[in-house]
Amino acid sequence: MNNIFIQLAIILGLSSVLGLITYKFKMPLLIAYLVGGLLIALVGFFDVNTSSALSFLPEIGIALLLFLVGMELDLREIRSLGKPIMLAGILQVIITSVLGTFIAQSFGFSLTESIYLGVGLSFSSTIVVIKLLLEKKDLSSLHGKLSVGILLLEDLLAVILLLGLTSTSSVFATGLTQALPILAFIGKVAALFIITLILNHYLLGAIFKMVSGSTELLFLTALAWCFAFISLAIVMGFSVVIGAFLAGVALASSPYHFQIQGKVKPMRDFFVALFFVYLGTKVNFAHITQTIWPILIFTAYAVVVKPAIFVLLLGTLGFRKHTMFRTAINLSHISEFSLIILLVGLDMGLVGQQALTIIASSGLLSIIIASLAISKSNLIYKLVTDWVGFFERKNIYRSDSIRSSELEDHIVIIGAHRVGGEIVKFLKREKQSLVVLDFNPHQVEILLEEGVQVIYGDMEDPEVLDVLNLSKAKMVISTASDTNDSKALLEGLKVKHINIPVVVRADTIKDAQTLYKAGADFVIIPEVMAGDLLLDTIKEHLNNKSYFKDRARIELEKLSRKTLAWG
């Protein structure tokens, strides 16, 4: 069955059936895709090694996923979290590589094979985590940003390692990589970032402005940019992940990126599903019986010990226990990059097929377990909260300078960027007592400089909400767009019998109805409010031509001041 349409029919049909089952049991859909790949490899519907559908289509899914993530992330926030990302990411890789090497040696593997297995055990999957964060709408959360930052760092470390293993080729035929692979890589990192900044500043804005008149042309141009930049990254020795992410970052400040995202997302879901099916087919059942114990031990290490290492490291850096736990559980599995590293070792004759089977099987098992754990993270957190709390340390990421007992008759603002920022400015002018909760380190620093009481943390963290002393607050205003977080806030207030006005935000009318039923007093719906404002403006100034005469200049001045609420 080498016909690509027959293969796609089998893959998508099986994924749909299994997806319906997992959806009914409220489990992540990627489990259905992984199990589907396992079944295809086990039953042998077609030869997965020569499959046309699985040879290159999954990699397109990786590219589109990271392209969209790049457009959604604010690099200033990643930069603000640079120290914890660097320390937690690098130290975890070192610790796990060393421990993994000892574990592999205890099963009788050679030192070289053990090192490969130890290193493979240390990486987590960027694709898996981002897929799950998107499903739970947690990509913009503090633990989401920490997770993505650590994963991108791990991807860079994996690329450095692969360059070191395969440093026989040169960059643009200069021979530089062959002689000095790591030095060449550092130079290429700088070059790629400089190219991204230059193109973003001088070229992309003009190009997308020209094509913005046609939605179809805008979509095609965005895809052309994505694949062209990925091609450049690959030529320079980087992975598809890094190239696609930076291609998205270059468009993050574009006024058209919302339109591009809306068009690309359906394509992304299709190709990403193929990627996870492909990942499921990589398990070689011929060696399972001989390697069952190493597989179980490596899986247990990935889902238990590796998260414990992250909890320890993030606790030392001063993060709250909820953020520590959620970040750690996001990274509790083995990456597809690990499979690539072992494949390189296999091609070079340094590792055997059994080592590859161990990493592939452990990776698949750990991803399935981690997916279930992430979907049930709130329940698990309640069980381990005391244990995780043992590792908490006070630091700059713990805003404990505010004493909850001192807060009284205050207004709580959750999220101080743009809409929230304007509210904070107004309340500050009115000399109203207020406290802000925000998970953007850059925003927190600005607020502190302005003399605003601010707590660094997530709304979904119950310990942070306790610090806000909501029982003595006058009002709560949340501009966070996540409906689940707003529902959790409303339920928390109801459980504690706190009866104060609560203003929250929703993106759709359905979400707004849900929040009103949950106890919200007023729900902000940006599109509805924009329509009401427009209608009021037209009613008031319909016959007043002078109002519109110089309106463009006035509104442009307002927009320039509000690009950043605290800029």
Protein backbone atom coordinates (compact mmCIF):
# COMPACT_ATOMS: atom_id res chain seq x y z
CA MET A 1 0.00 0.00 0.00
CA ASN A 2 2.39 2.70 -1.18
CA ASN A 3 -0.40 4.95 -2.41
CA ILE A 4 -0.35 8.10 -0.27
CA PHE A 5 -4.15 8.49 -0.37
CA ILE A 6 -4.75 4.97 0.96
CA GLN A 7 -2.16 5.57 3.70
CA LEU A 8 -3.76 8.91 4.66
CA ALA A 9 -7.21 7.26 4.72
CA ILE A 10 -5.92 4.60 7.16
CA ILE A 11 -4.03 7.12 9.32
CA LEU A 12 -6.82 9.70 9.54
CA GLY A 13 -9.61 7.13 9.89
CA LEU A 14 -7.86 5.34 12.73
CA SER A 15 -6.94 8.66 14.39
CA SER A 16 -10.56 9.86 14.19
CA VAL A 17 -11.95 6.69 15.80
CA LEU A 18 -9.33 6.65 18.56
CA GLY A 19 -9.67 10.42 18.93
CA LEU A 20 -13.41 10.08 19.58
CA ILE A 21 -12.70 7.53 22.32
CA THR A 22 -10.06 9.68 24.03
CA TYR A 23 -12.30 12.76 23.71
CA LYS A 24 -15.18 10.93 25.42
CA PHE A 25 -12.84 10.00 28.28
CA LYS A 26 -11.56 13.63 28.43
CA MET A 27 -7.98 12.67 27.55
CA PRO A 28 -5.57 14.61 25.28
CA LEU A 29 -6.03 13.84 21.58
CA LEU A 30 -2.33 13.25 21.00
CA ILE A 31 -2.69 9.95 22.94
CA ALA A 32 -5.04 8.78 20.19
CA TYR A 33 -2.48 9.71 17.53
CA LEU A 34 0.38 7.93 19.34
CA VAL A 35 -1.69 4.77 19.89
CA GLY A 36 -2.77 4.94 16.25
CA GLY A 37 0.88 4.93 15.18
CA LEU A 38 1.57 1.99 17.49
CA LEU A 39 -1.30 0.00 15.96
CA ILE A 40 -0.19 0.79 12.40
CA ALA A 41 3.34 -0.43 13.19
CA LEU A 42 2.07 -3.51 15.07
CA VAL A 43 -0.64 -4.64 12.62
CA GLY A 44 1.33 -3.62 9.53
CA PHE A 45 -1.36 -1.87 7.49
CA PHE A 46 1.53 -0.58 5.36
CA ASP A 47 5.33 -0.33 5.58
CA VAL A 48 5.96 2.67 7.83
CA ASN A 49 9.62 2.84 6.75
CA THR A 50 8.72 3.53 3.10
CA SER A 51 5.46 5.38 3.75
CA SER A 52 4.89 8.39 1.50
CA ALA A 53 2.51 9.97 4.02
CA LEU A 54 4.95 9.66 6.95
CA SER A 55 8.20 10.50 5.14
CA PHE A 56 7.95 14.32 5.12
CA LEU A 57 4.40 15.48 6.02
CA PRO A 58 4.92 15.22 9.82
CA GLU A 59 7.85 17.64 9.64
CA ILE A 60 5.56 20.22 8.04
CA GLY A 61 3.40 19.95 11.16
CA ILE A 62 6.42 20.71 13.35
CA ALA A 63 7.24 23.74 11.20
CA LEU A 64 3.71 25.18 11.29
CA LEU A 65 3.33 24.60 15.03
CA LEU A 66 6.57 26.39 15.94
CA PHE A 67 5.84 29.12 13.38
CA LEU A 68 2.59 29.95 15.19
CA VAL A 69 4.22 29.72 18.62
CA GLY A 70 6.87 32.22 17.51
CA MET A 71 4.13 34.67 16.54
CA GLU A 72 2.38 34.31 19.91
CA LEU A 73 5.34 34.69 22.28
CA ASP A 74 6.75 38.00 23.49
CA LEU A 75 10.55 37.72 23.39
CA ARG A 76 10.88 40.33 26.15
CA GLU A 77 9.15 37.92 28.53
CA ILE A 78 11.45 35.06 27.51
CA ARG A 79 14.41 37.41 27.93
CA SER A 80 13.20 38.45 31.40
CA LEU A 81 13.11 34.76 32.34
CA GLY A 82 16.52 34.18 30.75
CA LYS A 83 18.41 33.32 33.95
CA PRO A 84 16.03 30.64 35.29
CA ILE A 85 15.60 29.19 31.79
CA MET A 86 19.37 28.92 31.27
CA LEU A 87 20.16 27.54 34.71
CA ALA A 88 17.24 25.10 34.93
CA GLY A 89 17.65 23.89 31.34
CA ILE A 90 21.42 23.39 31.33
CA LEU A 91 21.70 21.92 34.85
CA GLN A 92 18.87 19.45 34.24
CA VAL A 93 20.50 18.22 31.01
CA ILE A 94 23.84 17.73 32.82
CA ILE A 95 22.32 15.98 35.86
CA THR A 96 20.07 13.69 33.81
CA SER A 97 22.83 12.84 31.31
CA VAL A 98 25.16 11.75 34.15
CA LEU A 99 22.50 9.78 36.05
CA GLY A 100 21.14 8.27 32.82
CA THR A 101 24.63 7.10 31.88
CA PHE A 102 24.99 5.28 35.22
CA ILE A 103 21.52 3.71 34.85
CA ALA A 104 22.33 2.47 31.33
CA GLN A 105 25.69 1.04 32.48
CA SER A 106 23.93 -0.87 35.26
CA PHE A 107 22.03 -2.75 32.51
CA GLY A 108 25.30 -3.80 30.86
CA PHE A 109 25.56 -1.23 28.05
CA SER A 110 28.99 0.02 27.01
CA LEU A 111 30.17 3.45 28.16
CA THR A 112 29.54 4.98 24.70
CA GLU A 113 26.02 3.53 24.45
CA SER A 114 25.30 4.58 28.04
CA ILE A 115 26.32 8.18 27.31
CA TYR A 116 24.03 8.26 24.28
CA LEU A 117 21.14 6.86 26.34
CA GLY A 118 21.83 9.28 29.22
CA VAL A 119 21.86 12.28 26.91
CA GLY A 120 18.73 11.05 25.13
CA LEU A 121 16.95 10.80 28.46
CA SER A 122 17.66 14.47 29.27
CA PHE A 123 15.63 16.14 26.49
CA SER A 124 11.87 16.83 26.49
CA SER A 125 9.63 17.31 23.46
CA THR A 126 8.87 20.88 22.38
CA ILE A 127 6.10 19.67 20.06
CA VAL A 128 4.32 17.61 22.74
CA VAL A 129 4.41 20.38 25.35
CA ILE A 130 3.24 23.13 23.02
CA LYS A 131 0.40 20.93 21.72
CA LEU A 132 -0.77 20.26 25.29
CA LEU A 133 -0.34 23.90 26.35
CA LEU A 134 -2.46 24.99 23.39
CA GLU A 135 -5.16 22.43 24.25
CA LYS A 136 -5.29 23.72 27.84
CA LYS A 137 -4.87 27.38 26.77
CA ASP A 138 -1.82 27.65 29.03
CA LEU A 139 0.74 28.89 26.50
CA SER A 140 0.64 32.45 27.87
CA SER A 141 0.86 31.37 31.53
CA LEU A 142 4.04 31.76 33.58
CA HIS A 143 4.68 28.01 33.65
CA GLY A 144 3.91 27.87 29.92
CA LYS A 145 6.54 30.51 29.13
CA LEU A 146 9.10 28.83 31.39
CA SER A 147 8.42 25.46 29.77
CA VAL A 148 8.72 26.76 26.21
CA GLY A 149 11.89 28.72 27.05
CA ILE A 150 13.56 25.65 28.61
CA LEU A 151 12.48 23.47 25.68
CA LEU A 152 13.89 25.87 23.08
CA LEU A 153 17.16 25.95 25.03
CA GLU A 154 17.21 22.14 25.07
CA ASP A 155 16.63 22.14 21.30
CA LEU A 156 19.65 24.41 20.85
CA LEU A 157 21.75 22.11 23.07
CA ALA A 158 20.57 19.12 21.04
CA VAL A 159 21.58 20.88 17.81
CA ILE A 160 25.03 21.63 19.29
CA LEU A 161 25.36 17.96 20.22
CA LEU A 162 24.30 16.80 16.75
CA LEU A 163 26.75 19.24 15.19
CA GLY A 164 29.50 17.79 17.35
CA LEU A 165 28.52 14.24 16.30
CA THR A 166 28.22 15.05 12.61
CA SER A 167 30.91 17.73 12.19
CA THR A 168 32.38 16.26 9.00
CA SER A 169 30.41 18.68 6.83
CA SER A 170 31.24 22.34 6.42
CA VAL A 171 29.21 25.55 6.25
CA PHE A 172 28.97 26.95 2.72
CA ALA A 173 32.06 24.84 1.81
CA THR A 174 34.37 26.89 4.05
CA GLY A 175 35.53 23.92 6.13
CA LEU A 176 34.89 25.93 9.30
CA THR A 177 32.44 23.46 10.85
CA GLN A 178 34.81 20.57 10.32
CA ALA A 179 37.55 22.39 12.19
CA LEU A 180 35.65 24.22 14.89
CA PRO A 181 32.03 22.97 15.13
CA ILE A 182 31.05 24.72 18.36
CA LEU A 183 32.67 28.05 17.40
CA ALA A 184 30.96 27.89 14.03
CA PHE A 185 27.64 27.17 15.71
CA ILE A 186 27.92 30.21 18.00
CA GLY A 187 28.70 32.37 14.98
CA LYS A 188 25.72 30.96 13.11
CA VAL A 189 23.40 31.57 16.08
CA ALA A 190 24.41 35.24 16.08
CA ALA A 191 24.08 35.45 12.29
CA LEU A 192 20.61 33.87 12.27
CA PHE A 193 19.31 36.23 14.96
CA ILE A 194 20.81 39.26 13.19
CA ILE A 195 19.22 38.17 9.90
CA THR A 196 15.86 37.77 11.68
CA LEU A 197 16.05 41.27 13.16
CA ILE A 198 17.16 42.92 9.90
CA LEU A 199 14.45 41.25 7.81
CA ASN A 200 11.82 42.05 10.42
CA HIS A 201 12.84 45.71 10.61
CA TYR A 202 13.51 46.55 6.96
CA LEU A 203 11.74 44.05 4.69
CA LEU A 204 8.85 42.02 6.10
CA GLY A 205 6.69 45.00 7.12
CA ALA A 206 6.73 46.42 3.59
CA ILE A 207 6.08 43.02 1.95
CA PHE A 208 3.10 42.14 4.14
CA LYS A 209 1.66 45.62 3.79
CA MET A 210 1.65 45.16 -0.01
CA VAL A 211 -0.12 41.76 0.11
CA SER A 212 -2.50 42.54 2.99
CA GLY A 213 -5.29 43.54 0.61
CA SER A 214 -5.84 39.87 -0.30
CA THR A 215 -6.36 37.33 2.51
CA GLU A 216 -5.33 34.50 0.19
CA LEU A 217 -2.13 36.26 -0.88
CA LEU A 218 -1.34 37.16 2.75
CA PHE A 219 -1.65 33.50 3.71
CA LEU A 220 0.55 32.30 0.84
CA THR A 221 3.18 34.96 1.54
CA ALA A 222 3.28 33.97 5.21
CA LEU A 223 3.84 30.32 4.28
CA ALA A 224 6.48 31.33 1.74
CA TRP A 225 8.31 33.33 4.43
CA CYS A 226 8.02 30.45 6.91
CA PHE A 227 9.51 27.82 4.59
CA ALA A 228 12.12 30.17 3.12
CA PHE A 229 13.45 31.03 6.58
CA ILE A 230 13.37 27.36 7.65
CA SER A 231 15.40 26.55 4.54
CA LEU A 232 17.94 29.21 5.49
CA ALA A 233 18.14 27.78 9.03
CA ILE A 234 18.66 24.24 7.71
CA VAL A 235 21.42 25.38 5.34
CA MET A 236 23.13 27.02 8.32
CA GLY A 237 22.95 23.78 10.31
CA PHE A 238 19.90 24.42 12.52
CA SER A 239 16.81 22.31 13.06
CA VAL A 240 13.35 22.91 11.58
CA VAL A 241 12.18 23.78 15.12
CA ILE A 242 14.58 26.73 15.51
CA GLY A 243 14.01 28.01 11.95
CA ALA A 244 10.21 27.88 12.21
CA PHE A 245 10.18 29.52 15.64
CA LEU A 246 12.34 32.45 14.52
CA ALA A 247 10.26 32.83 11.34
CA GLY A 248 7.23 33.28 13.60
CA VAL A 249 9.08 35.64 15.95
CA ALA A 250 9.87 37.91 13.00
CA LEU A 251 6.12 38.30 12.41
CA ALA A 252 5.13 38.62 16.09
CA SER A 253 4.92 42.41 15.88
CA SER A 254 3.14 42.40 12.51
CA PRO A 255 -0.41 43.82 12.59
CA TYR A 256 -1.44 40.95 10.30
CA HIS A 257 -0.30 38.07 12.49
CA PHE A 258 -3.83 37.36 13.81
CA GLN A 259 -5.09 36.89 10.24
CA ILE A 260 -2.15 34.61 9.45
CA GLN A 261 -2.74 32.52 12.58
CA GLY A 262 -6.41 32.02 11.73
CA LYS A 263 -5.50 30.63 8.31
CA VAL A 264 -2.54 28.45 9.40
CA LYS A 265 -4.08 26.77 12.49
CA PRO A 266 -6.35 24.27 10.62
CA MET A 267 -3.37 23.15 8.51
CA ARG A 268 -1.24 22.87 11.63
CA ASP A 269 -3.71 20.51 13.33
CA PHE A 270 -3.71 18.15 10.34
CA PHE A 271 0.07 17.92 9.99
CA VAL A 272 0.71 17.76 13.75
CA ALA A 273 -1.64 14.76 13.99
CA LEU A 274 0.51 13.03 11.34
CA PHE A 275 3.64 13.83 13.36
CA PHE A 276 2.36 12.03 16.46
CA VAL A 277 1.18 9.05 14.40
CA TYR A 278 4.68 8.92 12.89
CA LEU A 279 6.18 9.06 16.40
CA GLY A 280 4.01 6.11 17.44
CA THR A 281 5.32 3.99 14.54
CA LYS A 282 8.94 4.33 15.70
CA VAL A 283 8.67 1.58 18.34
CA ASN A 284 10.41 -1.63 17.21
CA PHE A 285 8.51 -4.51 18.83
CA ALA A 286 11.22 -7.03 17.91
CA HIS A 287 13.40 -5.93 20.85
CA ILE A 288 10.69 -5.14 23.42
CA THR A 289 10.98 -8.39 25.38
CA GLN A 290 14.78 -8.09 25.80
CA THR A 291 14.62 -4.44 26.85
CA ILE A 292 11.45 -4.30 28.96
CA TRP A 293 13.19 -3.43 32.26
CA PRO A 294 15.42 -0.64 30.88
CA ILE A 295 12.32 0.78 29.14
CA LEU A 296 10.32 0.81 32.39
CA ILE A 297 13.21 2.31 34.41
CA PHE A 298 13.90 5.03 31.80
CA THR A 299 10.16 5.84 31.62
CA ALA A 300 9.94 6.06 35.43
CA TYR A 301 12.97 8.35 35.47
CA ALA A 302 11.41 10.65 32.84
CA VAL A 303 8.01 10.95 34.57
CA VAL A 304 9.17 11.03 38.21
CA VAL A 305 12.87 11.88 38.68
CA LYS A 306 13.23 14.48 35.91
CA PRO A 307 10.29 16.57 37.20
CA ALA A 308 11.79 16.34 40.72
CA ILE A 309 15.04 17.80 39.37
CA PHE A 310 13.14 20.70 37.79
CA VAL A 311 11.21 21.31 41.03
CA LEU A 312 14.50 21.45 42.95
CA LEU A 313 16.13 23.83 40.44
CA LEU A 314 13.13 26.16 40.06
CA GLY A 315 12.59 26.17 43.82
CA THR A 316 16.19 27.24 44.34
CA LEU A 317 15.57 30.09 41.87
CA GLY A 318 12.63 31.26 44.00
CA PHE A 319 9.51 30.33 42.02
CA ARG A 320 6.28 29.50 43.81
CA LYS A 321 5.39 25.85 44.23
CA HIS A 322 2.47 25.95 41.77
CA THR A 323 4.69 27.34 38.99
CA MET A 324 7.45 24.85 39.90
CA PHE A 325 5.05 21.92 39.74
CA ARG A 326 3.31 22.89 36.50
CA THR A 327 6.60 23.58 34.70
CA ALA A 328 8.12 20.32 35.96
CA ILE A 329 5.15 18.18 34.94
CA ASN A 330 5.19 19.77 31.48
CA LEU A 331 8.75 18.47 30.99
CA SER A 332 8.21 14.93 32.35
CA HIS A 333 8.89 12.92 29.19
CA ILE A 334 11.50 12.09 26.53
CA SER A 335 11.87 14.05 23.28
CA GLU A 336 11.73 12.99 19.64
CA PHE A 337 15.12 14.75 19.43
CA SER A 338 16.46 11.92 21.62
CA LEU A 339 15.40 9.47 18.93
CA ILE A 340 17.34 11.47 16.32
CA ILE A 341 20.47 11.49 18.51
CA LEU A 342 20.29 7.69 18.94
CA LEU A 343 19.68 7.25 15.18
CA VAL A 344 22.86 9.25 14.48
CA GLY A 345 24.73 7.01 16.91
CA LEU A 346 23.28 3.92 15.22
CA ASP A 347 24.36 5.14 11.76
CA MET A 348 27.88 5.74 13.11
CA GLY A 349 28.02 2.25 14.62
CA LEU A 350 28.33 3.60 18.19
CA VAL A 351 25.01 2.28 19.55
CA GLY A 352 22.97 -0.83 18.84
CA GLN A 353 19.34 -1.37 17.85
CA GLN A 354 18.41 -2.24 21.45
CA ALA A 355 19.46 1.22 22.68
CA LEU A 356 17.31 2.81 19.97
CA THR A 357 14.34 0.63 20.97
CA ILE A 358 14.75 1.69 24.63
CA ILE A 359 14.65 5.41 23.82
CA ALA A 360 11.80 5.07 21.30
CA SER A 361 9.65 2.94 23.63
CA SER A 362 10.44 5.00 26.75
CA GLY A 363 9.74 8.19 24.81
CA LEU A 364 6.34 6.94 23.66
CA LEU A 365 5.34 5.66 27.11
CA SER A 366 6.54 8.81 28.87
CA ILE A 367 4.66 11.05 26.42
CA ILE A 368 1.41 9.13 27.00
CA ILE A 369 1.85 9.23 30.80
CA ALA A 370 2.88 12.91 30.75
CA SER A 371 -0.13 13.81 28.60
CA LEU A 372 -2.48 12.19 31.11
CA ALA A 373 -0.61 13.82 34.03
CA ILE A 374 -0.80 17.28 32.44
CA SER A 375 -4.54 16.89 31.77
CA LYS A 376 -5.06 15.91 35.44
CA SER A 377 -2.45 18.33 36.82
CA ASN A 378 -4.86 20.11 39.21
CA LEU A 379 -5.72 16.83 40.93
CA ILE A 380 -2.07 15.72 41.13
CA TYR A 381 -1.04 19.12 42.50
CA LYS A 382 -3.41 18.73 45.45
CA LEU A 383 -1.76 15.39 46.28
CA VAL A 384 1.85 16.64 46.12
CA THR A 385 1.49 20.29 47.14
CA ASP A 386 3.14 19.79 50.56
CA TRP A 387 6.08 17.90 49.03
CA VAL A 388 6.59 20.56 46.33
CA GLY A 389 6.28 23.34 48.92
CA PHE A 390 9.33 21.95 50.75
CA PHE A 391 11.51 23.22 47.86
CA GLU A 392 10.21 26.80 47.84
CA ARG A 393 12.82 29.51 48.42
CA LYS A 394 12.33 33.28 48.61
CA ASN A 395 13.85 35.20 45.71
CA ILE A 396 13.11 37.94 43.19
CA TYR A 397 10.41 35.72 41.65
CA ARG A 398 8.57 35.65 44.99
CA SER A 399 6.83 38.98 45.57
CA ASP A 400 6.29 38.46 49.28
CA SER A 401 7.03 42.07 50.20
CA ILE A 402 3.27 42.63 50.23
CA ARG A 403 1.63 41.45 53.43
CA SER A 404 -1.92 40.29 52.91
CA SER A 405 -2.91 41.62 56.35
CA GLU A 406 -2.05 45.14 55.18
CA LEU A 407 -4.42 44.98 52.20
CA GLU A 408 -7.88 46.36 52.92
CA ASP A 409 -10.61 48.04 50.85
CA HIS A 410 -8.39 47.60 47.79
CA ILE A 411 -9.09 46.81 44.15
CA VAL A 412 -7.38 43.74 42.68
CA ILE A 413 -6.28 44.00 39.04
CA ILE A 414 -5.30 40.71 37.36
CA GLY A 415 -3.25 41.46 34.24
CA ALA A 416 -1.84 45.00 33.84
CA HIS A 417 -1.05 45.14 30.13
CA ARG A 418 -3.10 47.29 27.74
CA VAL A 419 -6.68 47.28 29.19
CA GLY A 420 -5.47 46.44 32.70
CA GLY A 421 -2.67 48.99 32.43
CA GLU A 422 -5.11 51.81 31.65
CA ILE A 423 -7.27 50.81 34.64
CA VAL A 424 -4.20 50.81 36.91
CA LYS A 425 -3.24 54.31 35.70
CA PHE A 426 -6.76 55.60 36.36
CA LEU A 427 -6.95 54.08 39.86
CA LYS A 428 -3.50 55.42 40.70
CA ARG A 429 -4.57 58.95 39.68
CA GLU A 430 -7.66 58.55 41.87
CA LYS A 431 -5.40 57.49 44.79
CA GLN A 432 -7.36 54.27 45.12
CA SER A 433 -5.69 51.42 47.04
CA LEU A 434 -4.89 48.63 44.58
CA VAL A 435 -2.73 45.55 44.06
CA VAL A 436 -1.82 44.02 40.70
CA LEU A 437 -1.25 40.34 39.87
CA ASP A 438 0.81 39.74 36.71
CA PHE A 439 3.03 36.93 35.40
CA ASN A 440 5.01 39.08 32.94
CA PRO A 441 8.39 39.87 34.61
CA HIS A 442 8.92 42.89 32.34
CA GLN A 443 5.51 44.30 33.30
CA VAL A 444 6.14 43.62 37.00
CA GLU A 445 9.44 45.56 36.89
CA ILE A 446 7.73 48.56 35.26
CA LEU A 447 4.90 48.55 37.82
CA LEU A 448 7.36 48.37 40.72
CA GLU A 449 9.26 51.36 39.30
CA GLU A 450 5.95 53.25 39.17
CA GLY A 451 5.35 52.50 42.86
CA VAL A 452 2.42 50.14 42.22
CA GLN A 453 1.90 47.21 44.60
CA VAL A 454 2.36 44.13 42.45
CA ILE A 455 2.57 40.36 42.91
CA TYR A 456 4.42 38.23 40.39
CA GLY A 457 2.43 35.07 39.66
CA ASP A 458 -0.43 33.27 37.95
CA MET A 459 -4.16 33.59 38.63
CA GLU A 460 -4.45 29.79 38.61
CA ASP A 461 -2.04 29.55 41.56
CA PRO A 462 -4.25 29.27 44.71
CA GLU A 463 -1.43 30.42 47.02
CA VAL A 464 -1.05 33.68 45.09
CA LEU A 465 -4.77 34.41 45.38
CA ASP A 466 -4.51 34.02 49.16
CA VAL A 467 -1.88 36.78 49.27
CA LEU A 468 -4.34 39.16 47.57
CA ASN A 469 -6.57 39.09 50.68
CA LEU A 470 -9.73 38.97 48.55
CA SER A 471 -11.99 38.79 51.62
CA LYS A 472 -11.22 42.48 52.35
CA ALA A 473 -11.04 43.66 48.73
CA LYS A 474 -13.48 46.15 47.22
CA MET A 475 -13.51 44.63 43.72
CA VAL A 476 -11.67 42.21 41.42
CA ILE A 477 -11.01 43.09 37.77
CA SER A 478 -9.42 40.40 35.58
CA THR A 479 -8.38 41.10 31.99
CA ALA A 480 -7.06 37.52 31.50
CA SER A 481 -8.61 35.91 28.42
CA ASP A 482 -8.56 32.30 29.68
CA THR A 483 -12.13 31.32 30.58
CA ASN A 484 -10.99 28.38 32.75
CA ASP A 485 -8.83 30.68 34.89
CA SER A 486 -11.76 33.09 35.33
CA LYS A 487 -14.07 30.21 36.30
CA ALA A 488 -11.49 29.00 38.84
CA LEU A 489 -11.35 32.52 40.32
CA LEU A 490 -15.14 32.71 40.60
CA GLU A 491 -15.38 29.22 42.13
CA GLY A 492 -12.63 30.07 44.62
CA LEU A 493 -14.50 33.19 45.74
CA LYS A 494 -17.73 31.20 46.09
CA VAL A 495 -16.05 28.47 48.18
CA LYS A 496 -14.59 31.12 50.53
CA HIS A 497 -17.95 32.94 50.71
CA ILE A 498 -16.40 36.18 49.42
CA ASN A 499 -19.11 38.41 47.97
CA ILE A 500 -17.50 41.29 46.06
CA PRO A 501 -18.04 42.61 42.49
CA VAL A 502 -16.03 40.59 39.95
CA VAL A 503 -15.26 41.81 36.43
CA VAL A 504 -13.77 39.25 34.02
CA ARG A 505 -13.08 38.96 30.30
CA ALA A 506 -14.37 36.54 27.65
CA ASP A 507 -13.60 36.17 23.96
CA THR A 508 -17.00 34.79 22.90
CA ILE A 509 -20.64 35.24 23.87
CA LYS A 510 -20.82 31.56 24.88
CA ASP A 511 -17.87 32.01 27.27
CA ALA A 512 -19.49 35.17 28.66
CA GLN A 513 -22.72 33.26 29.37
CA THR A 514 -20.70 30.56 31.15
CA LEU A 515 -18.94 33.13 33.31
CA TYR A 516 -22.17 34.93 34.21
CA LYS A 517 -23.64 31.59 35.33
CA ALA A 518 -20.46 30.97 37.37
CA GLY A 519 -21.05 34.20 39.30
CA ALA A 520 -19.38 37.03 37.36
CA ASP A 521 -20.96 40.47 37.84
CA PHE A 522 -19.73 41.94 34.55
CA VAL A 523 -18.02 40.25 31.59
CA ILE A 524 -15.91 42.21 29.10
CA ILE A 525 -16.32 40.96 25.51
CA PRO A 526 -13.91 43.06 23.37
CA GLU A 527 -15.85 42.62 20.09
CA VAL A 528 -19.23 43.42 21.68
CA MET A 529 -17.82 46.43 23.52
CA ALA A 530 -16.19 47.66 20.30
CA GLY A 531 -19.55 47.41 18.51
CA ASP A 532 -21.32 49.30 21.32
CA LEU A 533 -18.64 52.02 21.29
CA LEU A 534 -18.92 52.40 17.51
CA LEU A 535 -22.71 52.62 17.69
CA ASP A 536 -22.57 55.28 20.45
CA THR A 537 -20.00 57.27 18.45
CA ILE A 538 -22.14 57.19 15.31
CA LYS A 539 -25.28 58.16 17.22
CA GLU A 540 -23.55 61.09 18.89
CA HIS A 541 -21.63 62.42 15.90
CA LEU A 542 -23.70 61.31 12.88
CA ASN A 543 -24.43 64.89 11.81
CA ASN A 544 -21.19 66.36 13.15
CA LYS A 545 -18.73 66.27 10.24
CA SER A 546 -16.14 68.28 12.16
CA TYR A 547 -15.73 65.38 14.63
CA PHE A 548 -14.32 63.14 11.88
CA LYS A 549 -12.31 65.86 10.14
CA ASP A 550 -9.13 65.42 12.19
CA ARG A 551 -10.07 62.06 13.76
CA ALA A 552 -7.36 59.99 12.07
CA ARG A 553 -4.54 62.08 13.55
CA ILE A 554 -6.09 62.02 17.04
CA GLU A 555 -6.65 58.26 17.00
CA LEU A 556 -3.12 57.58 15.67
CA GLU A 557 -1.71 59.61 18.56
CA LYS A 558 -3.79 57.54 21.01
CA LEU A 559 -2.60 54.29 19.45
CA SER A 560 1.05 55.36 19.60
CA ARG A 561 0.64 56.07 23.34
CA LYS A 562 -1.17 52.77 23.97
CA THR A 563 1.08 50.40 22.02
CA LEU A 564 2.31 49.45 25.49
CA ALA A 565 0.13 50.55 28.36
CA TRP A 566 3.20 51.23 30.48
CA GLY A 567 5.63 52.07 27.67
